[in-house]
Structures are given as C-alpha cells and as structure tokens.
C-alpha cells in the first residue's frame, strides 16, 4: 500500500523530465487479421491476443516485448493449438521487425511521444495502473490484476 501511495504522489509531479504521461485509450482488435480460434471454437485463443494487445499498449523494454510475444505463444499453446501458436508467434516476431509501421500496432502505442523499448519508469507504471483502475473497458478483473502484478514485477526486477 505504501508503495502505491508513493507512486500516486509521483504521478502528480509530471515535470520530472518525462514525456507527456497522457495515455491513449486501450483498444484491442484481438488477433489482428488472424483467426481467434477454430471453426468449432471461434474464440478459443481470443483472450491470449487481448492480453498481448494490453502489453503492447503499455510497452516497455525490448526484453519485455520478447516476453510478451512468448506469453502469447504459451497462452495459445495452452488451448491445445500448438501449430497456431507457432504461426502466431512467427507473425508477431516478423511484424515486430517489419519496416511497415502502424501507430496503433506498435509496441508502447499508449504513449504519444515516448521512445520505444525503454523500461517503464515508476511514474509511467503508476500512470498505466491508474488508467486501468479509472477507465471502464471490457477487460476481466483477473486480466487487469494479472497485468498490474506483471508491471510491478518489472519494476521490482530493475
């Protein structure tokens, strides 16, 4: 609790050389231009793609990006779709190194003018958590909680 209060106080001081901390809204298109499941189960791994979009929205370091892509692969594998998991993982890996860039599909797309592949600061992490707690969008409580825990563990591992 003490750590959260400190983070919230830090948010109020936005003039610490940070870029604009206003976040763009979180949106997901789930498995961008790809199936979200099988014919029999059309939403089988949709939740995996939603989580991936959430991490993509927040951004972070290059290692965070690699971990996020592997989480997507693992999540899809857990649905029993091992071949699909490999295809999806290959697609996000290739897409990440593509010279074609879509602003809404880039790593860290929540930030207006933040450099890509930098670890999130405590203030940025607190800003994301505050957004999750104050904005209503369709995301399960469990997914929000898991995401917040992952963000905190990133800070703790620095």
Protein backbone atom coordinates (compact mmCIF):
# COMPACT_ATOMS: atom_id res chain seq x y z
CA UNK A 1 0.00 0.00 0.00
CA UNK A 2 2.82 2.38 0.91
CA UNK A 3 4.47 1.74 -2.47
CA UNK A 4 1.21 2.54 -4.29
CA UNK A 5 0.80 5.83 -2.38
CA UNK A 6 4.34 6.84 -3.27
CA UNK A 7 3.69 6.02 -6.94
CA UNK A 8 0.48 8.04 -6.94
CA UNK A 9 2.32 11.04 -5.44
CA UNK A 10 4.97 10.71 -8.13
CA UNK A 11 2.29 10.83 -10.81
CA UNK A 12 1.26 14.26 -9.60
CA UNK A 13 4.77 15.53 -10.37
CA UNK A 14 4.86 15.21 -14.14
CA UNK A 15 7.65 17.71 -14.69
CA UNK A 16 10.49 15.29 -13.95
CA UNK A 17 11.83 15.34 -17.48
CA UNK A 18 9.28 12.78 -18.57
CA UNK A 19 7.35 12.98 -21.78
CA UNK A 20 3.61 13.52 -21.82
CA UNK A 21 2.05 10.96 -19.49
CA UNK A 22 -1.38 11.14 -21.10
CA UNK A 23 -2.30 7.69 -22.30
CA UNK A 24 -4.14 6.88 -25.48
CA UNK A 25 -7.16 4.68 -24.82
CA UNK A 26 -6.65 0.94 -24.69
CA UNK A 27 -8.28 -0.80 -27.63
CA UNK A 28 -7.93 -4.32 -28.90
CA UNK A 29 -8.73 -5.99 -32.17
CA UNK A 30 -7.68 -9.26 -30.57
CA UNK A 31 -5.72 -11.38 -33.07
CA UNK A 32 -5.05 -8.70 -35.68
CA UNK A 33 -6.05 -10.06 -39.10
CA UNK A 34 -5.85 -13.63 -37.79
CA UNK A 35 -8.35 -16.19 -36.52
CA UNK A 36 -9.18 -16.02 -32.82
CA UNK A 37 -9.98 -19.69 -32.63
CA UNK A 38 -11.09 -22.69 -34.63
CA UNK A 39 -14.34 -23.12 -36.56
CA UNK A 40 -15.71 -25.21 -33.72
CA UNK A 41 -14.44 -22.80 -31.05
CA UNK A 42 -14.17 -19.36 -32.70
CA UNK A 43 -12.89 -17.57 -29.57
CA UNK A 44 -10.53 -20.27 -28.31
CA UNK A 45 -7.40 -18.11 -28.01
CA UNK A 46 -9.01 -14.66 -28.29
CA UNK A 47 -8.15 -13.93 -24.65
CA UNK A 48 -4.46 -14.57 -25.41
CA UNK A 49 -4.49 -11.90 -28.11
CA UNK A 50 -6.35 -9.47 -25.85
CA UNK A 51 -3.63 -9.86 -23.22
CA UNK A 52 -0.95 -9.41 -25.88
CA UNK A 53 -2.63 -6.18 -27.03
CA UNK A 54 -2.70 -4.94 -23.43
CA UNK A 55 1.04 -5.47 -23.03
CA UNK A 56 1.65 -3.94 -26.45
CA UNK A 57 -0.36 -0.89 -25.42
CA UNK A 58 1.76 -0.36 -22.30
CA UNK A 59 5.16 -1.06 -23.86
CA UNK A 60 8.46 -1.37 -22.02
CA UNK A 61 11.90 -2.71 -22.81
CA UNK A 62 12.88 -4.98 -25.68
CA UNK A 63 13.09 -7.87 -23.19
CA UNK A 64 9.53 -7.03 -22.08
CA UNK A 65 8.46 -7.22 -25.73
CA UNK A 66 10.10 -10.61 -26.22
CA UNK A 67 8.49 -11.90 -23.02
CA UNK A 68 5.11 -10.60 -24.19
CA UNK A 69 5.39 -12.40 -27.51
CA UNK A 70 6.39 -15.62 -25.76
CA UNK A 71 3.45 -15.24 -23.34
CA UNK A 72 1.15 -15.07 -26.37
CA UNK A 73 2.67 -18.23 -27.82
CA UNK A 74 2.41 -20.08 -24.49
CA UNK A 75 -1.17 -18.96 -23.95
CA UNK A 76 -2.26 -20.19 -27.38
CA UNK A 77 -0.38 -23.48 -26.82
CA UNK A 78 -2.33 -23.99 -23.59
CA UNK A 79 -5.55 -24.01 -25.61
CA UNK A 80 -4.19 -27.06 -27.44
CA UNK A 81 -3.46 -25.17 -30.66
CA UNK A 82 0.28 -25.76 -30.88
CA UNK A 83 0.54 -25.19 -34.64
CA UNK A 84 -1.49 -21.99 -34.39
CA UNK A 85 0.74 -20.85 -31.51
CA UNK A 86 3.83 -21.23 -33.71
CA UNK A 87 2.18 -19.39 -36.60
CA UNK A 88 1.01 -16.55 -34.38
CA UNK A 89 4.42 -16.28 -32.71
CA UNK A 90 6.13 -16.17 -36.11
CA UNK A 91 3.71 -13.48 -37.26
CA UNK A 92 4.27 -11.20 -34.25
CA UNK A 93 8.03 -11.74 -34.46
CA UNK A 94 8.14 -10.86 -38.16
CA UNK A 95 5.71 -7.99 -37.65
CA UNK A 96 7.94 -6.54 -34.96
CA UNK A 97 10.87 -6.28 -37.35
CA UNK A 98 8.86 -5.15 -40.36
CA UNK A 99 9.72 -1.75 -41.86
CA UNK A 100 5.98 -1.08 -42.23
CA UNK A 101 4.69 0.60 -39.07
CA UNK A 102 1.11 1.17 -37.96
CA UNK A 103 0.95 3.50 -34.96
CA UNK A 104 -1.88 1.58 -33.33
CA UNK A 105 0.06 -1.70 -33.64
CA UNK A 106 3.42 -0.56 -32.32
CA UNK A 107 4.95 -1.56 -29.01
CA UNK A 108 4.04 1.05 -26.42
CA UNK A 109 1.26 2.58 -28.52
CA UNK A 110 -0.41 4.10 -25.44
CA UNK A 111 2.20 6.86 -25.29
CA UNK A 112 2.14 9.90 -27.56
CA UNK A 113 5.84 10.73 -27.70
CA UNK A 114 7.76 8.11 -25.77
CA UNK A 115 10.78 6.32 -27.18
CA UNK A 116 10.18 2.66 -27.84
CA UNK A 117 11.90 -0.18 -25.98
CA UNK A 118 12.76 1.69 -22.80
CA UNK A 119 11.80 0.15 -19.48
CA UNK A 120 8.73 1.76 -17.97
CA UNK A 121 9.53 4.16 -15.13
CA UNK A 122 7.72 4.06 -11.80
CA UNK A 123 5.68 7.08 -12.86
CA UNK A 124 4.73 5.51 -16.20
CA UNK A 125 3.82 2.24 -14.49
CA UNK A 126 1.67 4.09 -11.96
CA UNK A 127 0.02 6.01 -14.81
CA UNK A 128 -0.92 2.77 -16.55
CA UNK A 129 -2.25 1.25 -13.33
CA UNK A 130 -4.28 4.37 -12.60
CA UNK A 131 -5.73 4.20 -16.13
CA UNK A 132 -6.74 0.57 -15.60
CA UNK A 133 -8.45 1.45 -12.33
CA UNK A 134 -10.29 4.53 -13.56
CA UNK A 135 -11.40 3.64 -17.10
CA UNK A 136 -14.12 1.23 -18.00
CA UNK A 137 -13.42 -1.11 -20.86
CA UNK A 138 -14.10 -4.77 -21.36
CA UNK A 139 -11.25 -6.48 -19.61
CA UNK A 140 -11.74 -9.10 -16.94
CA UNK A 141 -10.84 -8.26 -13.36
CA UNK A 142 -8.45 -11.23 -13.38
CA UNK A 143 -6.66 -9.98 -16.51
CA UNK A 144 -6.35 -6.46 -15.05
CA UNK A 145 -4.99 -7.84 -11.79
CA UNK A 146 -2.52 -10.16 -13.51
CA UNK A 147 -1.33 -7.30 -15.72
CA UNK A 148 -0.83 -4.98 -12.74
CA UNK A 149 1.16 -7.69 -10.95
CA UNK A 150 3.36 -8.16 -14.02
CA UNK A 151 4.00 -4.41 -14.22
CA UNK A 152 5.01 -4.36 -10.56
CA UNK A 153 7.32 -7.33 -11.05
CA UNK A 154 9.04 -5.49 -13.90
CA UNK A 155 9.77 -2.61 -11.51
CA UNK A 156 10.96 -4.97 -8.79
CA UNK A 157 13.38 -6.70 -11.18
CA UNK A 158 15.17 -3.47 -12.12
